[in-house]
Amino acid sequence: MDKESNLTFEDACFQWASRQFLYDPIPDNYFELLEEEQYKHLEAYAWEPISHHDGYKIAQYIDSLADHIAGKTYPKEEDY
């Protein structure tokens, strides 16, 4: 990630998580868009298996993964 970015840690986690659901990660200015524009962006770049989902639902998927990343609640190699 760009160290000169003005994103918060939470926004950076959301941006990272977006890579798992979109063809292109969301741009830094995504967070400056109106909510409806954000949803349209997510719908336009949604990975094919979720392309029929609305932007609100896609945002929920991304946010859920971002929360796990921010909270470091994922399997760690040293635990196995």
Protein backbone atom coordinates (compact mmCIF):
# COMPACT_ATOMS: atom_id res chain seq x y z
CA MET A 1 0.00 0.00 0.00
CA ASP A 2 1.05 3.54 -0.64
CA LYS A 3 2.63 4.96 2.53
CA GLU A 4 1.79 8.49 1.38
CA SER A 5 -1.91 7.66 1.25
CA ASN A 6 -4.30 9.64 3.40
CA LEU A 7 -6.40 6.57 4.14
CA THR A 8 -7.16 5.56 7.70
CA PHE A 9 -6.12 2.07 8.78
CA GLU A 10 -9.75 0.92 8.52
CA ASP A 11 -10.12 2.40 5.02
CA ALA A 12 -6.86 0.76 3.95
CA CYS A 13 -8.16 -2.60 5.25
CA PHE A 14 -11.40 -2.08 3.30
CA GLN A 15 -9.39 -1.22 0.19
CA TRP A 16 -7.25 -4.33 0.63
CA ALA A 17 -10.32 -6.52 1.18
CA SER A 18 -11.96 -5.10 -1.95
CA ARG A 19 -9.33 -6.95 -3.98
CA GLN A 20 -11.01 -10.21 -3.01
CA PHE A 21 -14.38 -9.19 -4.48
CA LEU A 22 -13.61 -6.75 -7.31
CA TYR A 23 -11.64 -6.87 -10.53
CA ASP A 24 -9.79 -3.74 -9.43
CA PRO A 25 -9.37 -2.55 -5.84
CA ILE A 26 -11.25 0.58 -4.92
CA PRO A 27 -9.35 3.83 -5.46
CA ASP A 28 -8.34 6.08 -2.56
CA ASN A 29 -11.06 8.59 -3.47
CA TYR A 30 -13.76 5.92 -3.07
CA PHE A 31 -14.33 7.09 0.50
CA GLU A 32 -15.10 10.61 -0.70
CA LEU A 33 -17.94 9.40 -2.94
CA LEU A 34 -21.57 9.51 -1.92
CA GLU A 35 -22.84 6.16 -0.65
CA GLU A 36 -24.93 5.57 -3.79
CA GLU A 37 -21.87 6.23 -5.98
CA GLN A 38 -19.83 3.82 -3.87
CA TYR A 39 -22.42 1.09 -4.43
CA LYS A 40 -22.47 1.75 -8.17
CA HIS A 41 -18.68 1.48 -8.25
CA LEU A 42 -18.80 -1.87 -6.44
CA GLU A 43 -21.46 -3.17 -8.82
CA ALA A 44 -19.44 -2.04 -11.85
CA TYR A 45 -16.26 -3.82 -10.70
CA ALA A 46 -17.76 -6.85 -8.94
CA TRP A 47 -16.14 -10.18 -9.61
CA GLU A 48 -18.40 -12.26 -11.86
CA PRO A 49 -19.70 -14.71 -9.19
CA ILE A 50 -21.13 -11.79 -7.19
CA SER A 51 -21.92 -9.46 -10.08
CA HIS A 52 -25.65 -9.99 -9.60
CA HIS A 53 -25.47 -8.71 -5.99
CA ASP A 54 -26.30 -5.10 -5.23
CA GLY A 55 -23.61 -2.67 -4.10
CA TYR A 56 -24.83 -2.61 -0.51
CA LYS A 57 -24.39 -6.39 -0.20
CA ILE A 58 -20.97 -6.29 -1.87
CA ALA A 59 -19.92 -3.55 0.57
CA GLN A 60 -21.02 -5.83 3.44
CA TYR A 61 -18.83 -8.67 2.13
CA ILE A 62 -15.84 -6.37 1.82
CA ASP A 63 -16.46 -4.78 5.22
CA SER A 64 -16.69 -8.17 6.92
CA LEU A 65 -13.32 -9.26 5.53
CA ALA A 66 -11.81 -5.86 6.31
CA ASP A 67 -12.96 -6.19 9.94
CA HIS A 68 -11.22 -9.57 10.21
CA ILE A 69 -8.01 -8.13 8.77
CA ALA A 70 -8.10 -5.04 11.01
CA GLY A 71 -8.79 -7.20 14.06
CA LYS A 72 -6.21 -9.79 13.01
CA THR A 73 -8.79 -12.55 13.36
CA TYR A 74 -7.48 -14.97 10.78
CA PRO A 75 -5.48 -18.22 11.00
CA LYS A 76 -1.77 -17.78 11.66
CA GLU A 77 0.81 -20.33 10.56
CA GLU A 78 2.41 -20.45 14.00
CA ASP A 79 -0.89 -21.67 15.47
CA TYR A 80 -0.64 -24.95 13.50
